[in-house]
Amino acid sequence: MSYKKTEIYNPEITDELIGKYNHILKKLGENPDREGLVKTPERAAKAMQFLTQGYEQDPKAILTGAMFKEEYNEMVLVKDIEVYSLCEHHILPFFGKAHIAYIPNGYIVGLSKLPRVVDVFSRRLQVQERLTHEILHCIQDTLQPQGVAVVIEARHMCMMMRGVQKQNSITTTSAFTGQFADAQTRNEFLSLIDRTSCI
């Protein structure tokens, strides 16, 4: 029995991108008609649409769809959220982990929604600095908590594969609002994300 994977993509955009990738392959000196490359333009067209699908998604709607009234007012932390994005300068991947905390102010949100917000913003052409702030402001503006903290640690292929070619460099960005502006609260958050999990 043959295997068929069902995927839904905009056929107009897909066809146009296929043509562009065919053109790129020819300009690079390749033959897009050889066996190994025949389906590459289509695969690349679909991959690019998948990797940039965040443009069509609403991160605030994700949060508001799972907000619950709750009197809990201590820190909520979700750490080690996988991040995969594309650098807008070279369209090369950067990847790593995000750590997000917030202090509720009458509402909590379903825990799975925080990683989904990360995915929405990371599946766009990005720079790590803007990605950090977009996640922070989305949570702050939607939940109106007493504070939000976001830290992202990532490796950038544009630094590892080309340019300075530094293989072990890690870029860390952070942003804080509300109670996380207080050194004691911020240090508690930083201590928690640095702690090895006992799970």
Protein backbone atom coordinates (compact mmCIF):
# COMPACT_ATOMS: atom_id res chain seq x y z
CA MET A 1 0.00 0.00 0.00
CA SER A 2 1.43 3.39 -0.97
CA TYR A 3 1.94 6.12 1.60
CA LYS A 4 0.49 9.56 1.01
CA LYS A 5 0.91 12.50 3.38
CA THR A 6 -1.85 15.11 3.27
CA GLU A 7 -0.71 18.71 3.54
CA ILE A 8 -2.67 21.87 2.83
CA TYR A 9 -0.86 24.78 1.16
CA ASN A 10 -2.00 27.71 -0.93
CA PRO A 11 -1.62 26.32 -4.48
CA GLU A 12 -1.00 29.75 -6.04
CA ILE A 13 1.81 30.59 -3.61
CA THR A 14 3.24 27.08 -3.88
CA ASP A 15 3.39 27.19 -7.69
CA GLU A 16 4.99 30.62 -7.68
CA LEU A 17 7.61 29.58 -5.13
CA ILE A 18 8.37 26.39 -7.08
CA GLY A 19 9.20 28.55 -10.10
CA LYS A 20 11.43 30.80 -8.00
CA TYR A 21 13.33 27.87 -6.49
CA ASN A 22 13.80 26.34 -9.95
CA HIS A 23 15.29 29.65 -11.07
CA ILE A 24 17.58 29.82 -8.02
CA LEU A 25 18.89 26.29 -8.63
CA LYS A 26 19.71 27.14 -12.25
CA LYS A 27 21.46 30.37 -11.24
CA LEU A 28 23.57 28.40 -8.74
CA GLY A 29 24.76 26.15 -11.57
CA GLU A 30 22.57 23.17 -10.71
CA ASN A 31 20.28 21.15 -12.92
CA PRO A 32 16.78 21.13 -11.36
CA ASP A 33 15.79 18.28 -13.70
CA ARG A 34 18.28 15.77 -12.29
CA GLU A 35 16.84 12.98 -10.15
CA GLY A 36 17.89 14.30 -6.74
CA LEU A 37 16.50 17.79 -7.41
CA VAL A 38 13.30 17.13 -9.35
CA LYS A 39 11.08 17.54 -6.27
CA THR A 40 13.34 19.95 -4.39
CA PRO A 41 11.61 23.18 -5.52
CA GLU A 42 8.24 21.84 -4.38
CA ARG A 43 9.65 20.62 -1.06
CA ALA A 44 11.39 23.95 -0.49
CA ALA A 45 8.23 25.90 -1.37
CA LYS A 46 6.18 23.94 1.15
CA ALA A 47 8.90 24.05 3.80
CA MET A 48 9.14 27.84 3.53
CA GLN A 49 5.37 28.20 3.91
CA PHE A 50 5.45 25.95 6.99
CA LEU A 51 8.39 27.81 8.54
CA THR A 52 6.66 31.19 8.07
CA GLN A 53 3.08 30.19 8.93
CA GLY A 54 3.20 32.45 11.99
CA TYR A 55 2.26 35.41 9.80
CA GLU A 56 -1.24 33.94 9.44
CA GLN A 57 -1.76 33.10 13.13
CA ASP A 58 -3.02 35.31 15.96
CA PRO A 59 -1.05 34.74 19.18
CA LYS A 60 -3.44 36.85 21.27
CA ALA A 61 -6.37 34.66 20.18
CA ILE A 62 -4.41 31.61 21.33
CA LEU A 63 -4.08 33.10 24.81
CA THR A 64 -7.61 34.47 25.13
CA GLY A 65 -9.01 31.08 24.11
CA ALA A 66 -7.58 29.51 27.27
CA MET A 67 -7.76 32.18 29.98
CA PHE A 68 -9.22 31.14 33.32
CA LYS A 69 -10.09 33.15 36.41
CA GLU A 70 -7.84 32.09 39.26
CA GLU A 71 -6.63 33.72 42.47
CA TYR A 72 -3.12 32.24 42.18
CA ASN A 73 -0.66 35.14 42.26
CA GLU A 74 2.79 33.53 42.42
CA MET A 75 5.21 33.00 39.56
CA VAL A 76 4.23 30.60 36.77
CA LEU A 77 7.26 29.41 34.79
CA VAL A 78 7.50 27.32 31.62
CA LYS A 79 11.11 26.74 30.67
CA ASP A 80 13.11 24.94 27.98
CA ILE A 81 10.57 25.66 25.23
CA GLU A 82 12.14 24.67 21.91
CA VAL A 83 12.60 27.57 19.49
CA TYR A 84 13.19 27.19 15.75
CA SER A 85 13.19 30.29 13.60
CA LEU A 86 14.74 31.84 10.50
CA CYS A 87 17.12 34.78 10.66
CA GLU A 88 15.71 37.55 8.49
CA HIS A 89 19.19 38.66 7.37
CA HIS A 90 20.29 35.39 5.72
CA ILE A 91 17.18 33.16 5.92
CA LEU A 92 19.24 30.65 7.88
CA PRO A 93 17.95 28.88 11.00
CA PHE A 94 18.52 29.86 14.58
CA PHE A 95 17.40 27.54 17.33
CA GLY A 96 17.48 27.13 21.07
CA LYS A 97 15.24 27.45 24.11
CA ALA A 98 12.84 30.02 25.52
CA HIS A 99 11.98 30.45 29.19
CA ILE A 100 8.77 32.32 30.06
CA ALA A 101 7.34 33.34 33.42
CA TYR A 102 4.42 35.51 34.45
CA ILE A 103 2.76 36.50 37.73
CA PRO A 104 -1.04 36.24 37.36
CA ASN A 105 -3.34 39.11 38.14
CA GLY A 106 -6.70 37.35 38.34
CA TYR A 107 -6.22 35.13 35.28
CA ILE A 108 -4.04 32.19 34.38
CA VAL A 109 -3.61 30.67 30.91
CA GLY A 110 -3.40 27.07 29.74
CA LEU A 111 0.27 26.09 30.00
CA SER A 112 0.47 24.74 26.44
CA LYS A 113 -0.50 28.16 25.10
CA LEU A 114 2.83 29.75 26.04
CA PRO A 115 4.85 27.42 23.77
CA ARG A 116 2.25 28.01 21.04
CA VAL A 117 2.80 31.77 21.31
CA VAL A 118 6.53 31.12 20.94
CA ASP A 119 5.85 29.08 17.80
CA VAL A 120 3.66 31.77 16.23
CA PHE A 121 6.32 34.46 16.55
CA SER A 122 9.27 32.20 15.74
CA ARG A 123 7.65 30.93 12.54
CA ARG A 124 8.31 34.25 10.88
CA LEU A 125 11.48 35.85 9.56
CA GLN A 126 13.01 37.10 12.78
CA VAL A 127 15.82 38.53 14.81
CA GLN A 128 16.18 37.11 18.30
CA GLU A 129 15.90 40.50 19.96
CA ARG A 130 12.52 41.26 18.38
CA LEU A 131 11.27 37.73 18.97
CA THR A 132 11.94 38.14 22.71
CA HIS A 133 9.99 41.39 22.90
CA GLU A 134 7.08 40.17 20.77
CA ILE A 135 6.51 37.20 23.07
CA LEU A 136 6.78 39.41 26.15
CA HIS A 137 4.37 42.11 24.93
CA CYS A 138 1.81 39.60 23.65
CA ILE A 139 1.58 37.96 27.09
CA GLN A 140 1.63 41.28 28.94
CA ASP A 141 -1.00 42.94 26.74
CA THR A 142 -3.33 39.93 26.67
CA LEU A 143 -3.21 38.59 30.23
CA GLN A 144 -2.44 41.89 31.99
CA PRO A 145 -0.40 40.03 34.62
CA GLN A 146 1.66 41.59 37.38
CA GLY A 147 4.77 40.94 35.30
CA VAL A 148 6.29 38.88 32.51
CA ALA A 149 9.83 37.57 31.99
CA VAL A 150 11.24 36.09 28.78
CA VAL A 151 14.73 34.73 28.17
CA ILE A 152 15.83 33.13 24.89
CA GLU A 153 19.11 31.27 24.38
CA ALA A 154 19.89 30.37 20.78
CA ARG A 155 22.54 29.28 18.30
CA HIS A 156 22.56 31.05 14.93
CA MET A 157 23.58 29.17 11.79
CA CYS A 158 24.53 32.47 10.13
CA MET A 159 27.33 32.70 12.72
CA MET A 160 28.20 28.99 12.63
CA MET A 161 28.10 28.18 8.88
CA ARG A 162 29.28 31.48 7.38
CA GLY A 163 30.65 34.86 8.50
CA VAL A 164 32.73 34.44 11.66
CA GLN A 165 32.06 30.65 11.75
CA LYS A 166 32.04 30.41 15.54
CA GLN A 167 30.62 27.01 16.42
CA ASN A 168 30.08 27.34 20.16
CA SER A 169 28.60 30.81 20.51
CA ILE A 170 25.20 31.19 22.17
CA THR A 171 23.16 34.39 22.05
CA THR A 172 21.01 35.23 25.08
CA THR A 173 18.28 37.88 25.07
CA SER A 174 15.96 38.85 27.89
CA ALA A 175 13.05 41.16 28.59
CA PHE A 176 11.05 41.92 31.74
CA THR A 177 7.93 43.84 32.75
CA GLY A 178 6.16 44.67 36.00
CA GLN A 179 7.31 42.82 39.09
CA PHE A 180 10.21 41.27 37.19
CA ALA A 181 11.79 44.71 37.11
CA ASP A 182 12.42 44.11 40.82
CA ALA A 183 15.85 42.51 41.28
CA GLN A 184 14.66 39.92 43.81
CA THR A 185 11.84 38.60 41.60
CA ARG A 186 14.03 38.66 38.50
CA ASN A 187 16.81 36.78 40.29
CA GLU A 188 14.33 34.13 41.47
CA PHE A 189 13.26 33.63 37.86
CA LEU A 190 16.87 33.43 36.62
CA SER A 191 17.72 30.97 39.39
CA LEU A 192 14.78 28.73 38.47
CA ILE A 193 15.65 28.57 34.76
CA ASP A 194 19.27 27.77 35.66
CA ARG A 195 18.26 24.91 37.93
CA THR A 196 18.49 21.36 36.57
CA SER A 197 15.08 19.72 36.40
CA CYS A 198 14.37 16.87 38.82
CA ILE A 199 11.73 15.35 36.50
